[in-house]
Amino acid sequence: MLHCVFTSSLLAQFNGIIEYDLEKKTITCNGNVIQLIYAKQPDQIDYTKYGISDAVVIDNTGIWRNEEGLGQHLKCPGVKQVLLTAPGKGVTTIVAGVNNDRVSPDVNIYAAASCTTNAIVPILKCLNDKYGIEVSAHRVVAPALCCFSLSS
């Protein structure tokens, strides 16, 4: 895992200092300690044992995508909210810069949509805000074309 940090072809070379402590299950990056926490089930972790309270758990396993499954994290001491890094089923989906107004203190499980949605929707929002657009296709599968037109 650490090898990827130093050799990423996407993010360029990392010139900092990274150390891994297998016994303590920590990664130290430029002096900042990151605690690695493992469990087979999401409701088996007591975050308060690590001094963590009001945590936002980022679930990128893809195993749980609905409120019932993701809600298991909320049973853990120290957890306040859960963010799924993929499309959810029946949970509030947020696309940064597009529908941030849906973030609410009453909601404790969010989905971040798909990578495709997160890539295209902010751009479409800018075009729509400036010119108005009509989307003529909701779902696109390769090799289909997606077409939209500027409203007059």
Foldseek 3Di string as FASTA:
>chain_A
DVVCQQDPPPPHGDPWDWDADPVQCWIATNNRIDHDDDDPALLPDACVVVVAAQDEAEDAPPPAAECVRQCSNVNHHRYQAYEYAEHHDHAAEDQPPPPPVPDDSVHRYYYPYHPVCNVVVNVVVVLCVVFNKDWPDDDDDPPDDTDMDTDD
